N, C-alpha and C. Protein backbone atom coordinates (compact mmCIF):
# COMPACT_ATOMS: atom_id res chain seq x y z
N UNK A 1 54.67 38.29 -106.53
CA UNK A 1 53.09 40.03 -105.43
C UNK A 1 52.95 39.45 -104.60
N UNK A 2 52.23 39.91 -103.45
CA UNK A 2 52.18 39.25 -102.09
C UNK A 2 50.05 39.56 -102.55
N UNK A 3 49.68 38.34 -102.14
CA UNK A 3 48.33 38.64 -101.89
C UNK A 3 46.99 39.69 -101.28
N UNK A 4 48.27 40.60 -100.61
CA UNK A 4 47.99 41.83 -100.28
C UNK A 4 47.50 42.89 -101.57
N UNK A 5 49.17 42.46 -101.44
CA UNK A 5 48.89 43.86 -102.67
C UNK A 5 48.30 43.14 -103.86
N UNK A 6 47.45 41.66 -104.22
CA UNK A 6 46.87 41.52 -105.37
C UNK A 6 45.12 41.51 -105.20
N UNK A 7 45.08 41.43 -103.31
CA UNK A 7 43.54 41.49 -103.20
C UNK A 7 43.44 43.26 -103.92
N UNK A 8 44.50 43.98 -103.59
CA UNK A 8 43.62 45.10 -104.25
C UNK A 8 44.05 46.17 -105.34
N UNK A 9 44.45 44.97 -106.59
CA UNK A 9 44.37 45.29 -107.36
C UNK A 9 43.28 45.14 -108.05
N UNK A 10 42.26 43.63 -106.87
CA UNK A 10 40.91 43.45 -106.85
C UNK A 10 39.38 43.83 -106.54
N UNK A 11 39.88 44.64 -105.13
CA UNK A 11 39.28 45.61 -104.75
C UNK A 11 39.04 47.10 -105.70
N UNK A 12 40.32 47.69 -106.24
CA UNK A 12 39.86 48.57 -107.68
C UNK A 12 39.53 48.46 -108.34
N UNK A 13 40.03 46.69 -109.27
CA UNK A 13 38.79 46.13 -110.59
C UNK A 13 37.49 45.69 -110.81
N UNK A 14 37.07 45.48 -109.16
CA UNK A 14 35.79 45.40 -109.16
C UNK A 14 34.84 46.91 -108.75
N UNK A 15 35.49 48.24 -107.76
CA UNK A 15 35.58 49.24 -107.29
C UNK A 15 35.18 49.97 -109.17
N UNK A 16 35.49 49.44 -109.88
CA UNK A 16 35.81 50.55 -111.83
C UNK A 16 34.80 49.22 -112.37
N UNK A 17 34.36 47.78 -112.04
CA UNK A 17 33.24 47.53 -112.47
C UNK A 17 32.20 47.68 -112.18
N UNK A 18 31.71 47.97 -110.74
CA UNK A 18 30.72 48.74 -109.80
C UNK A 18 30.35 49.90 -110.25
N UNK A 19 30.82 50.91 -110.18
CA UNK A 19 31.37 51.85 -110.77
C UNK A 19 31.00 51.49 -112.64
N UNK A 20 30.33 51.04 -113.07
CA UNK A 20 30.45 51.45 -114.62
C UNK A 20 28.90 50.51 -114.74
N UNK A 21 28.91 50.01 -113.49
CA UNK A 21 27.51 48.38 -114.04
C UNK A 21 26.45 48.83 -112.93
N UNK A 22 27.18 49.74 -112.14
CA UNK A 22 26.21 50.12 -110.52
C UNK A 22 25.02 48.42 -110.22
N UNK A 23 24.90 47.74 -108.51
CA UNK A 23 23.96 46.53 -108.22
C UNK A 23 22.75 46.69 -109.54
N UNK A 24 22.60 45.21 -109.53
CA UNK A 24 20.83 45.05 -109.87
C UNK A 24 21.25 43.35 -111.36
N UNK A 25 23.50 43.31 -111.54
CA UNK A 25 22.80 42.52 -112.72
C UNK A 25 22.61 41.11 -112.45
N UNK A 26 23.32 39.84 -112.77
CA UNK A 26 23.70 38.89 -112.12
C UNK A 26 25.31 39.25 -111.84
N UNK A 27 25.22 37.98 -111.30
CA UNK A 27 26.37 37.11 -111.12
C UNK A 27 27.51 36.74 -112.36
N UNK A 28 27.08 36.62 -112.82
CA UNK A 28 28.01 36.01 -114.22
C UNK A 28 29.13 37.22 -114.91
N UNK A 29 27.04 38.44 -115.17
CA UNK A 29 28.33 39.81 -115.96
C UNK A 29 28.96 40.58 -114.81
N UNK A 30 28.86 39.97 -113.53
CA UNK A 30 29.66 41.42 -112.76
C UNK A 30 31.09 39.98 -112.55
N UNK A 31 31.31 38.66 -113.07
CA UNK A 31 32.50 38.20 -112.71
C UNK A 31 32.43 38.48 -114.17
N UNK A 32 32.31 38.35 -115.26
CA UNK A 32 33.15 38.75 -116.80
C UNK A 32 33.91 39.79 -116.86
N UNK A 33 32.86 41.29 -116.17
CA UNK A 33 33.91 42.21 -116.44
C UNK A 33 34.76 42.15 -115.63
N UNK A 34 34.53 41.97 -114.24
CA UNK A 34 36.14 41.55 -113.42
C UNK A 34 37.50 40.48 -114.08
N UNK A 35 37.16 39.69 -114.33
CA UNK A 35 38.15 39.10 -114.69
C UNK A 35 38.50 39.90 -116.15
N UNK A 36 37.69 40.70 -116.62
CA UNK A 36 38.88 41.26 -117.96
C UNK A 36 39.76 41.89 -117.22
N UNK A 37 38.56 43.32 -116.23
CA UNK A 37 39.98 43.93 -115.82
C UNK A 37 41.43 43.31 -115.21
N UNK A 38 40.78 42.34 -114.34
CA UNK A 38 42.03 41.23 -113.96
C UNK A 38 43.08 41.16 -114.92
N UNK A 39 42.67 40.61 -115.99
CA UNK A 39 43.54 40.55 -117.35
C UNK A 39 44.24 41.39 -117.64
N UNK A 40 43.29 42.10 -117.44
CA UNK A 40 44.04 44.27 -118.47
C UNK A 40 45.17 44.66 -116.68
N UNK A 41 45.56 43.86 -115.87
CA UNK A 41 46.53 43.55 -115.41
C UNK A 41 47.67 43.04 -115.25
N UNK A 42 48.17 41.65 -116.81
CA UNK A 42 48.84 41.59 -116.50
C UNK A 42 48.52 40.38 -115.86
N UNK A 43 48.08 39.00 -114.81
CA UNK A 43 47.65 38.45 -114.07
C UNK A 43 47.67 37.24 -114.39
N UNK A 44 47.63 36.52 -114.45
CA UNK A 44 46.81 35.42 -114.32
C UNK A 44 46.07 34.73 -113.60
N UNK A 45 45.17 35.23 -114.55
CA UNK A 45 43.46 35.32 -113.78
C UNK A 45 42.87 33.92 -114.44
N UNK A 46 42.37 32.48 -113.72
CA UNK A 46 41.54 31.80 -114.49
C UNK A 46 40.16 31.72 -113.72
N UNK A 47 39.61 31.67 -114.56
CA UNK A 47 38.06 32.37 -113.74
C UNK A 47 37.15 30.61 -114.58
N UNK A 48 35.63 30.23 -113.00
CA UNK A 48 35.80 29.50 -113.32
C UNK A 48 36.21 27.88 -113.61
N UNK A 49 36.53 28.73 -112.01
CA UNK A 49 38.17 27.60 -112.26
C UNK A 49 37.52 25.64 -111.24
N UNK A 50 38.24 24.87 -112.30
CA UNK A 50 37.26 23.30 -111.85
C UNK A 50 38.37 23.41 -110.73
N UNK A 51 37.40 22.65 -108.97
CA UNK A 51 38.30 21.50 -108.04
C UNK A 51 37.49 20.95 -107.33
N UNK A 52 39.01 19.63 -108.51
CA UNK A 52 38.05 19.33 -106.91
C UNK A 52 38.07 18.79 -105.61
N UNK A 53 37.75 17.24 -105.44
CA UNK A 53 37.54 17.40 -103.88
C UNK A 53 38.17 16.02 -103.83
N UNK A 54 38.78 16.59 -102.65
CA UNK A 54 39.86 15.46 -102.73
C UNK A 54 39.38 14.26 -100.96
N UNK A 55 39.15 12.80 -101.48
CA UNK A 55 38.35 12.55 -100.58
C UNK A 55 39.38 10.92 -100.02
N UNK A 56 39.81 10.75 -98.82
CA UNK A 56 40.32 9.34 -98.53
C UNK A 56 41.35 9.26 -100.12
N UNK A 57 42.03 10.49 -100.80
CA UNK A 57 43.36 10.41 -101.36
C UNK A 57 43.05 9.82 -103.09
N UNK A 58 41.56 10.37 -102.88
CA UNK A 58 40.93 10.19 -104.19
C UNK A 58 40.08 11.50 -105.26
N UNK A 59 40.33 11.73 -105.70
CA UNK A 59 40.11 13.26 -106.31
C UNK A 59 38.99 13.10 -107.24
N UNK A 60 38.26 13.74 -106.33
CA UNK A 60 36.53 13.60 -107.03
C UNK A 60 36.25 14.54 -107.77
N UNK A 61 35.34 14.49 -108.80
CA UNK A 61 35.10 15.98 -109.57
C UNK A 61 33.30 16.25 -108.81
N UNK A 62 33.69 17.32 -107.82
CA UNK A 62 32.36 17.45 -107.52
C UNK A 62 31.50 18.10 -107.82
N UNK A 63 32.38 19.00 -108.62
CA UNK A 63 31.68 19.58 -109.57
C UNK A 63 31.18 21.55 -109.16
N UNK A 64 32.58 22.03 -107.95
CA UNK A 64 32.89 22.75 -107.39
C UNK A 64 33.30 23.88 -108.79
N UNK A 65 33.57 24.27 -108.44
CA UNK A 65 34.03 25.86 -109.18
C UNK A 65 34.28 27.44 -109.06
N UNK A 66 35.91 26.99 -108.92
CA UNK A 66 36.15 28.87 -108.30
C UNK A 66 36.24 30.10 -109.35
N UNK A 67 35.17 31.33 -109.13
CA UNK A 67 35.08 32.49 -109.75
C UNK A 67 36.26 32.23 -110.61
N UNK A 68 37.41 33.06 -109.29
CA UNK A 68 38.18 33.55 -110.14
C UNK A 68 39.48 33.18 -109.38
N UNK A 69 40.70 32.61 -109.15
CA UNK A 69 41.82 32.35 -109.13
C UNK A 69 42.57 33.14 -109.50
N UNK A 70 43.63 34.55 -108.62
CA UNK A 70 44.22 34.60 -108.88
C UNK A 70 46.23 34.25 -108.97
N UNK A 71 46.15 34.27 -109.67
CA UNK A 71 48.12 34.35 -109.52
C UNK A 71 48.09 32.68 -108.79
N UNK A 72 47.12 31.78 -108.99
CA UNK A 72 47.11 30.61 -107.96
C UNK A 72 47.43 31.06 -106.08
N UNK A 73 47.15 32.02 -106.33
CA UNK A 73 47.41 33.00 -104.62
C UNK A 73 46.03 33.43 -103.79
N UNK A 74 45.63 33.19 -104.65
CA UNK A 74 44.34 34.56 -104.28
C UNK A 74 42.72 34.08 -105.09
N UNK A 75 41.99 33.23 -103.48
CA UNK A 75 40.33 32.98 -104.98
C UNK A 75 39.40 34.19 -104.59
N UNK A 76 38.79 34.59 -105.52
CA UNK A 76 37.56 35.32 -105.29
C UNK A 76 36.43 34.60 -105.68
N UNK A 77 35.42 34.88 -104.69
CA UNK A 77 34.37 34.51 -104.90
C UNK A 77 32.99 35.88 -105.68
N UNK A 78 32.67 35.65 -106.68
CA UNK A 78 32.02 36.94 -106.42
C UNK A 78 30.08 36.69 -106.52
N UNK A 79 29.46 37.42 -106.20
CA UNK A 79 28.08 37.57 -105.65
C UNK A 79 27.44 38.21 -105.90
N UNK A 80 26.26 38.06 -106.54
CA UNK A 80 24.98 39.41 -106.76
C UNK A 80 23.76 39.02 -105.80
N UNK A 81 24.86 38.96 -104.65
CA UNK A 81 22.79 38.89 -103.77
C UNK A 81 22.98 40.22 -103.19
N UNK A 82 20.94 40.06 -102.30
CA UNK A 82 21.06 41.41 -101.53
C UNK A 82 21.94 40.92 -100.58
N UNK A 83 22.59 40.04 -99.94
CA UNK A 83 23.20 40.42 -97.90
C UNK A 83 24.28 39.32 -98.46
N UNK A 84 24.93 39.62 -98.26
CA UNK A 84 26.01 38.54 -97.98
C UNK A 84 25.97 37.47 -96.63
N UNK A 85 26.80 35.95 -96.47
CA UNK A 85 26.33 35.20 -95.20
C UNK A 85 26.30 34.66 -94.97
N UNK A 86 26.39 33.19 -94.28
CA UNK A 86 27.24 32.26 -93.55
C UNK A 86 26.90 31.23 -94.32
N UNK A 87 26.67 30.70 -95.47
CA UNK A 87 26.25 30.15 -96.55
C UNK A 87 27.78 30.53 -96.69
N UNK A 88 27.45 32.15 -97.53
CA UNK A 88 29.02 32.35 -98.56
C UNK A 88 30.12 31.58 -97.82
N UNK A 89 30.74 32.53 -96.53
CA UNK A 89 31.55 32.78 -95.86
C UNK A 89 32.01 31.79 -95.95
N UNK A 90 31.43 29.92 -95.81
CA UNK A 90 31.14 28.67 -95.49
C UNK A 90 32.41 28.42 -97.08
N UNK A 91 31.38 28.22 -97.56
CA UNK A 91 32.15 28.41 -99.57
C UNK A 91 33.26 28.58 -99.28
N UNK A 92 33.75 30.22 -99.00
CA UNK A 92 34.24 30.19 -99.63
C UNK A 92 36.22 29.71 -98.67
N UNK A 93 36.03 29.22 -96.79
CA UNK A 93 36.16 29.54 -96.39
C UNK A 93 36.99 27.48 -96.27
N UNK A 94 35.92 27.24 -97.39
CA UNK A 94 36.23 25.10 -97.75
C UNK A 94 37.24 25.84 -98.74
N UNK A 95 37.32 26.25 -99.94
CA UNK A 95 37.76 27.18 -100.77
C UNK A 95 38.98 26.62 -100.45
N UNK A 96 39.17 27.93 -99.40
CA UNK A 96 40.36 28.23 -99.38
C UNK A 96 41.83 26.19 -98.43
N UNK A 97 40.76 26.56 -97.72
CA UNK A 97 41.35 25.11 -96.76
C UNK A 97 42.02 24.23 -97.64
N UNK A 98 41.05 23.06 -99.52
CA UNK A 98 40.69 22.47 -100.23
C UNK A 98 42.02 22.39 -100.96
N UNK A 99 42.30 24.19 -101.22
CA UNK A 99 43.60 24.46 -101.92
C UNK A 99 44.64 25.17 -101.69
N UNK A 100 44.91 25.87 -100.14
CA UNK A 100 45.80 25.90 -99.29
C UNK A 100 45.88 27.32 -100.03
N UNK A 101 45.41 28.01 -99.93
CA UNK A 101 45.24 29.27 -100.00
C UNK A 101 45.44 30.11 -98.62
N UNK A 102 46.47 31.54 -98.21
CA UNK A 102 46.09 32.09 -97.56
C UNK A 102 45.11 33.11 -97.67
N UNK A 103 44.53 33.31 -98.75
CA UNK A 103 43.41 34.63 -98.67
C UNK A 103 42.37 34.65 -99.82
N UNK A 104 41.15 34.87 -99.13
CA UNK A 104 39.87 34.77 -100.43
C UNK A 104 39.25 36.13 -100.56
N UNK A 105 38.27 36.28 -101.13
CA UNK A 105 37.23 38.30 -101.24
C UNK A 105 36.63 37.66 -101.60
N UNK A 106 35.08 37.19 -100.73
CA UNK A 106 33.82 37.71 -101.31
C UNK A 106 33.64 38.72 -101.56
N UNK A 107 33.36 39.10 -103.28
CA UNK A 107 32.59 40.52 -103.88
C UNK A 107 31.29 39.86 -103.54
N UNK A 108 30.67 40.93 -103.75
CA UNK A 108 28.56 40.89 -103.82
C UNK A 108 28.74 42.31 -104.14
N UNK A 109 28.17 42.46 -105.39
CA UNK A 109 28.06 43.70 -106.74
C UNK A 109 27.07 44.22 -106.48
N UNK A 110 26.18 43.90 -105.94
CA UNK A 110 24.87 43.71 -105.35
C UNK A 110 24.75 44.92 -103.72
N UNK A 111 24.93 46.24 -104.31
CA UNK A 111 25.10 46.85 -102.92
C UNK A 111 25.76 48.22 -103.73
N UNK A 112 24.67 49.33 -102.38
CA UNK A 112 24.51 50.71 -103.35
C UNK A 112 25.93 51.34 -103.32
N UNK A 113 27.30 50.85 -101.90
CA UNK A 113 28.47 51.11 -102.20
C UNK A 113 29.44 49.74 -102.11
N UNK A 114 30.21 50.16 -103.23
CA UNK A 114 31.26 48.19 -103.63
C UNK A 114 32.09 48.02 -102.28
N UNK A 115 32.38 48.74 -101.96
CA UNK A 115 33.45 48.87 -100.03
C UNK A 115 31.49 47.53 -99.58
N UNK A 116 30.33 47.96 -99.24
CA UNK A 116 30.26 47.34 -98.26
C UNK A 116 30.76 46.08 -99.04
N UNK A 117 30.37 45.43 -99.57
CA UNK A 117 29.85 43.77 -100.75
C UNK A 117 31.83 43.61 -100.79
N UNK A 118 32.54 43.82 -99.17
CA UNK A 118 33.58 42.71 -100.25
C UNK A 118 33.91 42.68 -98.47
N UNK A 119 33.79 41.28 -98.16
CA UNK A 119 34.68 40.56 -97.42
C UNK A 119 36.24 39.93 -97.74
N UNK A 120 37.27 39.96 -96.56
CA UNK A 120 38.06 39.60 -96.51
C UNK A 120 38.50 37.75 -96.32
N UNK A 121 38.54 37.47 -96.60
CA UNK A 121 39.06 35.64 -95.32
C UNK A 121 40.62 35.71 -95.12
N UNK A 122 41.13 35.76 -94.30
CA UNK A 122 42.43 35.07 -94.13
C UNK A 122 42.10 33.69 -92.64
N UNK A 123 42.98 32.05 -93.84
CA UNK A 123 43.27 32.00 -93.04
C UNK A 123 42.62 31.03 -91.55
N UNK A 124 40.78 31.45 -92.78
CA UNK A 124 39.67 31.28 -92.07
C UNK A 124 38.90 32.60 -91.23
N UNK A 125 39.59 33.76 -91.03
CA UNK A 125 39.58 35.18 -90.27
C UNK A 125 38.68 35.98 -91.25
N UNK A 126 37.03 36.17 -90.70
CA UNK A 126 36.79 37.36 -91.96
C UNK A 126 37.78 37.63 -91.27
N UNK A 127 37.59 39.29 -91.79
CA UNK A 127 38.28 40.21 -91.62
C UNK A 127 37.67 41.05 -92.52
N UNK A 128 38.29 43.37 -92.49
CA UNK A 128 36.91 44.31 -92.80
C UNK A 128 37.07 44.23 -94.14
N UNK A 129 36.50 44.62 -94.18
CA UNK A 129 36.17 45.60 -95.66
C UNK A 129 37.14 46.71 -96.84
N UNK A 130 38.24 46.36 -96.72
CA UNK A 130 39.45 47.09 -96.96
C UNK A 130 40.55 46.33 -96.82
N UNK A 131 40.53 46.41 -98.78
CA UNK A 131 41.34 45.65 -99.55
C UNK A 131 43.26 45.65 -99.20
């Protein structure tokens, strides 16, 4: 399955979660529900995946955790904030760089419309919210 096909499943699953729960909950509630939804698609989904930092060829445990890693191809960062900002973008850009994944998705569940809170990041480029 391609990154774009996975992104479409993530978007649709996130939409289902948002329709059921609405905005206003904590990030971990949305992450757990999205994880459940994605597992229903028989995808390999890793939740809170530890992510070491490699510095000077030494692997360091710096406490990084990727919210969701789908099929070792797609990184999903789950947020429940007033608005996505540059720090959120920097976080996913760093995860993409360190993991060598091509596609990442920032998902903010604290929005009236789920699609307004979704951003795709491809090779360091923020794109529109269409999965």
